[in-house]
Amino acid sequence: MLKNIPEILSPGLLKILMEMGHGDELVLCDGNYPRLGQPERVIDCDGHGIPELLEAILRFFPLDSYVDHPVILMQVLPGDPVKTPIWETYREIIAKYEKDGVCDEAIDKYEFYKRGARAYAALRTGEKAMYANVILKKGVVL
């Protein structure tokens, strides 16, 4: 056990976060996210939602300040009436940790899957919100 490390961050997850370098990407997957969009390294975070993981991760994980959009969201398919209030929750969490504010971009669902499959790692969560998937691009510690 260590002090001041959120219990939600498992040893396997901490190892992944430490291994990642500048520009590497981490996918936080909702409960409906398919295997085809996942990279080789996957950490199971069943029973946890994405907002609580995002909150714990961003205490330690710098977002990439060298790109316009270090946070990537999955765009709602045209014609799908689903709303994405969870995105505003993400923005509120990110704003607490990023002095330059939130710089997110929503990309096509199928492009998201391709990008997710190329990511350094993915966290499979029990998140139930639709279109809740998010990719974080790691920055540098200044």
C-alpha atoms as a PDB file:
ATOM      1  CA  MET A   1       0.000   0.000   0.000  1.00  0.00           C
ATOM      2  CA  LEU A   2       1.070   3.555  -0.677  1.00  0.00           C
ATOM      3  CA  LYS A   3      -0.143   6.835   0.737  1.00  0.00           C
ATOM      4  CA  ASN A   4      -2.281   9.290  -1.200  1.00  0.00           C
ATOM      5  CA  ILE A   5      -2.844   7.020  -4.217  1.00  0.00           C
ATOM      6  CA  PRO A   6      -6.565   6.719  -5.004  1.00  0.00           C
ATOM      7  CA  GLU A   7      -7.685   3.128  -4.392  1.00  0.00           C
ATOM      8  CA  ILE A   8      -9.383   3.091  -7.793  1.00  0.00           C
ATOM      9  CA  LEU A   9      -5.920   3.126  -9.430  1.00  0.00           C
ATOM     10  CA  SER A  10      -4.875  -0.518  -9.398  1.00  0.00           C
ATOM     11  CA  PRO A  11      -1.198  -1.577  -9.525  1.00  0.00           C
ATOM     12  CA  GLY A  12      -1.679  -2.637 -13.161  1.00  0.00           C
ATOM     13  CA  LEU A  13      -3.178   0.723 -14.088  1.00  0.00           C
ATOM     14  CA  LEU A  14      -0.427   2.644 -12.298  1.00  0.00           C
ATOM     15  CA  LYS A  15       2.168   0.587 -14.180  1.00  0.00           C
ATOM     16  CA  ILE A  16       0.529   1.469 -17.521  1.00  0.00           C
ATOM     17  CA  LEU A  17       0.361   5.180 -16.647  1.00  0.00           C
ATOM     18  CA  MET A  18       4.043   5.152 -15.665  1.00  0.00           C
ATOM     19  CA  GLU A  19       5.107   3.306 -18.830  1.00  0.00           C
ATOM     20  CA  MET A  20       3.311   5.692 -21.166  1.00  0.00           C
ATOM     21  CA  GLY A  21       5.369   8.410 -22.803  1.00  0.00           C
ATOM     22  CA  HIS A  22       4.620  11.752 -24.424  1.00  0.00           C
ATOM     23  CA  GLY A  23       2.050  11.333 -27.185  1.00  0.00           C
ATOM     24  CA  ASP A  24       0.872   7.885 -26.094  1.00  0.00           C
ATOM     25  CA  GLU A  25      -2.897   7.510 -25.850  1.00  0.00           C
ATOM     26  CA  LEU A  26      -5.124   5.906 -23.237  1.00  0.00           C
ATOM     27  CA  VAL A  27      -8.704   4.837 -24.033  1.00  0.00           C
ATOM     28  CA  LEU A  28     -11.343   4.864 -21.309  1.00  0.00           C
ATOM     29  CA  CYS A  29     -14.042   2.532 -22.665  1.00  0.00           C
ATOM     30  CA  ASP A  30     -17.684   2.439 -21.679  1.00  0.00           C
ATOM     31  CA  GLY A  31     -19.431  -0.861 -21.002  1.00  0.00           C
ATOM     32  CA  ASN A  32     -20.554  -1.229 -24.632  1.00  0.00           C
ATOM     33  CA  TYR A  33     -17.170  -0.630 -26.270  1.00  0.00           C
ATOM     34  CA  PRO A  34     -16.205  -3.444 -28.691  1.00  0.00           C
ATOM     35  CA  ARG A  35     -13.019  -5.488 -28.691  1.00  0.00           C
ATOM     36  CA  LEU A  36     -12.134  -4.311 -32.228  1.00  0.00           C
ATOM     37  CA  GLY A  37     -11.372  -0.834 -30.873  1.00  0.00           C
ATOM     38  CA  GLN A  38      -9.085  -2.016 -28.090  1.00  0.00           C
ATOM     39  CA  PRO A  39      -5.301  -2.239 -28.152  1.00  0.00           C
ATOM     40  CA  GLU A  40      -3.265  -5.169 -26.862  1.00  0.00           C
ATOM     41  CA  ARG A  41      -2.926  -3.771 -23.314  1.00  0.00           C
ATOM     42  CA  VAL A  42      -6.281  -3.730 -21.522  1.00  0.00           C
ATOM     43  CA  ILE A  43      -6.973  -3.145 -17.830  1.00  0.00           C
ATOM     44  CA  ASP A  44     -10.355  -4.241 -16.483  1.00  0.00           C
ATOM     45  CA  CYS A  45     -11.986  -1.591 -14.319  1.00  0.00           C
ATOM     46  CA  ASP A  46     -15.379  -3.282 -14.014  1.00  0.00           C
ATOM     47  CA  GLY A  47     -17.637  -1.698 -11.450  1.00  0.00           C
ATOM     48  CA  HIS A  48     -16.200   1.772 -12.021  1.00  0.00           C
ATOM     49  CA  GLY A  49     -17.503   4.614 -14.122  1.00  0.00           C
ATOM     50  CA  ILE A  50     -15.370   6.749 -16.393  1.00  0.00           C
ATOM     51  CA  PRO A  51     -15.798  10.013 -14.425  1.00  0.00           C
ATOM     52  CA  GLU A  52     -14.343   8.522 -11.228  1.00  0.00           C
ATOM     53  CA  LEU A  53     -11.417   7.011 -13.142  1.00  0.00           C
ATOM     54  CA  LEU A  54     -10.832  10.238 -15.046  1.00  0.00           C
ATOM     55  CA  GLU A  55     -10.750  12.168 -11.767  1.00  0.00           C
ATOM     56  CA  ALA A  56      -8.172   9.810 -10.263  1.00  0.00           C
ATOM     57  CA  ILE A  57      -5.999   9.583 -13.394  1.00  0.00           C
ATOM     58  CA  LEU A  58      -5.796  13.310 -14.088  1.00  0.00           C
ATOM     59  CA  ARG A  59      -4.276  13.940 -10.659  1.00  0.00           C
ATOM     60  CA  PHE A  60      -1.085  12.419 -12.102  1.00  0.00           C
ATOM     61  CA  PHE A  61      -1.480  12.282 -15.886  1.00  0.00           C
ATOM     62  CA  PRO A  62      -0.549  15.402 -17.882  1.00  0.00           C
ATOM     63  CA  LEU A  63      -2.506  16.026 -21.058  1.00  0.00           C
ATOM     64  CA  ASP A  64      -0.522  16.855 -24.187  1.00  0.00           C
ATOM     65  CA  SER A  65      -0.188  20.635 -24.523  1.00  0.00           C
ATOM     66  CA  TYR A  66       1.499  20.298 -27.936  1.00  0.00           C
ATOM     67  CA  VAL A  67      -1.681  19.222 -29.742  1.00  0.00           C
ATOM     68  CA  ASP A  68      -4.947  21.081 -30.242  1.00  0.00           C
ATOM     69  CA  HIS A  69      -7.115  18.269 -28.877  1.00  0.00           C
ATOM     70  CA  PRO A  70      -5.527  16.003 -26.230  1.00  0.00           C
ATOM     71  CA  VAL A  71      -9.013  14.726 -25.328  1.00  0.00           C
ATOM     72  CA  ILE A  72     -10.941  12.795 -27.985  1.00  0.00           C
ATOM     73  CA  LEU A  73     -14.629  11.918 -27.636  1.00  0.00           C
ATOM     74  CA  MET A  74     -16.753   9.549 -29.710  1.00  0.00           C
ATOM     75  CA  GLN A  75     -19.118  11.532 -31.922  1.00  0.00           C
ATOM     76  CA  VAL A  76     -22.809  10.624 -31.815  1.00  0.00           C
ATOM     77  CA  LEU A  77     -23.895   8.927 -35.049  1.00  0.00           C
ATOM     78  CA  PRO A  78     -25.990  11.142 -37.331  1.00  0.00           C
ATOM     79  CA  GLY A  79     -29.678  10.621 -36.623  1.00  0.00           C
ATOM     80  CA  ASP A  80     -29.047   9.036 -33.209  1.00  0.00           C
ATOM     81  CA  PRO A  81     -31.163  10.968 -30.657  1.00  0.00           C
ATOM     82  CA  VAL A  82     -28.830  10.094 -27.753  1.00  0.00           C
ATOM     83  CA  LYS A  83     -27.660  13.048 -25.644  1.00  0.00           C
ATOM     84  CA  THR A  84     -24.184  13.132 -24.065  1.00  0.00           C
ATOM     85  CA  PRO A  85     -24.401  14.943 -20.709  1.00  0.00           C
ATOM     86  CA  ILE A  86     -21.399  12.904 -19.515  1.00  0.00           C
ATOM     87  CA  TRP A  87     -19.187  15.013 -21.805  1.00  0.00           C
ATOM     88  CA  GLU A  88     -19.912  18.064 -19.635  1.00  0.00           C
ATOM     89  CA  THR A  89     -18.942  16.018 -16.571  1.00  0.00           C
ATOM     90  CA  TYR A  90     -15.626  15.195 -18.282  1.00  0.00           C
ATOM     91  CA  ARG A  91     -15.041  18.866 -19.069  1.00  0.00           C
ATOM     92  CA  GLU A  92     -15.649  19.854 -15.448  1.00  0.00           C
ATOM     93  CA  ILE A  93     -13.188  17.218 -14.212  1.00  0.00           C
ATOM     94  CA  ILE A  94     -10.537  18.111 -16.794  1.00  0.00           C
ATOM     95  CA  ALA A  95     -10.859  21.839 -16.025  1.00  0.00           C
ATOM     96  CA  LYS A  96      -9.783  21.124 -12.426  1.00  0.00           C
ATOM     97  CA  TYR A  97      -6.444  19.738 -13.591  1.00  0.00           C
ATOM     98  CA  GLU A  98      -5.639  21.583 -16.814  1.00  0.00           C
ATOM     99  CA  LYS A  99      -4.641  25.238 -16.454  1.00  0.00           C
ATOM    100  CA  ASP A 100      -5.226  25.888 -20.167  1.00  0.00           C
ATOM    101  CA  GLY A 101      -8.757  24.521 -19.966  1.00  0.00           C
ATOM    102  CA  VAL A 102     -10.396  21.714 -21.846  1.00  0.00           C
ATOM    103  CA  CYS A 103      -9.506  21.030 -25.465  1.00  0.00           C
ATOM    104  CA  ASP A 104     -11.668  18.159 -26.635  1.00  0.00           C
ATOM    105  CA  GLU A 105     -12.784  17.055 -30.054  1.00  0.00           C
ATOM    106  CA  ALA A 106     -15.436  14.531 -31.070  1.00  0.00           C
ATOM    107  CA  ILE A 107     -14.509  12.216 -33.932  1.00  0.00           C
ATOM    108  CA  ASP A 108     -16.467   9.719 -36.005  1.00  0.00           C
ATOM    109  CA  LYS A 109     -17.328   6.518 -34.131  1.00  0.00           C
ATOM    110  CA  TYR A 110     -15.475   4.258 -36.552  1.00  0.00           C
ATOM    111  CA  GLU A 111     -12.407   6.520 -36.633  1.00  0.00           C
ATOM    112  CA  PHE A 112     -12.501   6.423 -32.829  1.00  0.00           C
ATOM    113  CA  TYR A 113     -12.369   2.612 -32.937  1.00  0.00           C
ATOM    114  CA  LYS A 114      -9.361   2.684 -35.279  1.00  0.00           C
ATOM    115  CA  ARG A 115      -7.555   5.183 -33.092  1.00  0.00           C
ATOM    116  CA  GLY A 116      -8.479   3.239 -29.969  1.00  0.00           C
ATOM    117  CA  ALA A 117      -6.996   0.058 -31.408  1.00  0.00           C
ATOM    118  CA  ARG A 118      -3.678   1.902 -31.916  1.00  0.00           C
ATOM    119  CA  ALA A 119      -3.632   3.362 -28.377  1.00  0.00           C
ATOM    120  CA  TYR A 120      -1.029   2.385 -25.810  1.00  0.00           C
ATOM    121  CA  ALA A 121      -3.678   0.888 -23.524  1.00  0.00           C
ATOM    122  CA  ALA A 122      -7.388   0.789 -22.743  1.00  0.00           C
ATOM    123  CA  LEU A 123      -9.385   0.730 -19.531  1.00  0.00           C
ATOM    124  CA  ARG A 124     -12.574  -1.339 -19.793  1.00  0.00           C
ATOM    125  CA  THR A 125     -15.098   0.165 -17.408  1.00  0.00           C
ATOM    126  CA  GLY A 126     -18.649  -0.500 -16.363  1.00  0.00           C
ATOM    127  CA  GLU A 127     -19.751   2.952 -17.569  1.00  0.00           C
ATOM    128  CA  LYS A 128     -23.370   2.843 -18.745  1.00  0.00           C
ATOM    129  CA  ALA A 129     -23.640   6.266 -20.411  1.00  0.00           C
ATOM    130  CA  MET A 130     -23.878   6.152 -24.202  1.00  0.00           C
ATOM    131  CA  TYR A 131     -20.992   7.602 -26.246  1.00  0.00           C
ATOM    132  CA  ALA A 132     -18.989   7.888 -23.032  1.00  0.00           C
ATOM    133  CA  ASN A 133     -15.710   6.661 -24.563  1.00  0.00           C
ATOM    134  CA  VAL A 134     -12.767   9.035 -24.322  1.00  0.00           C
ATOM    135  CA  ILE A 135      -9.135   9.004 -25.425  1.00  0.00           C
ATOM    136  CA  LEU A 136      -6.483  10.915 -23.472  1.00  0.00           C
ATOM    137  CA  LYS A 137      -3.171  11.875 -25.107  1.00  0.00           C
ATOM    138  CA  LYS A 138      -0.347  11.995 -22.566  1.00  0.00           C
ATOM    139  CA  GLY A 139       1.762  15.105 -22.318  1.00  0.00           C
ATOM    140  CA  VAL A 140       4.991  15.930 -20.539  1.00  0.00           C
ATOM    141  CA  VAL A 141       5.652  16.977 -16.978  1.00  0.00           C
ATOM    142  CA  LEU A 142       7.206  20.423 -17.036  1.00  0.00           C
END
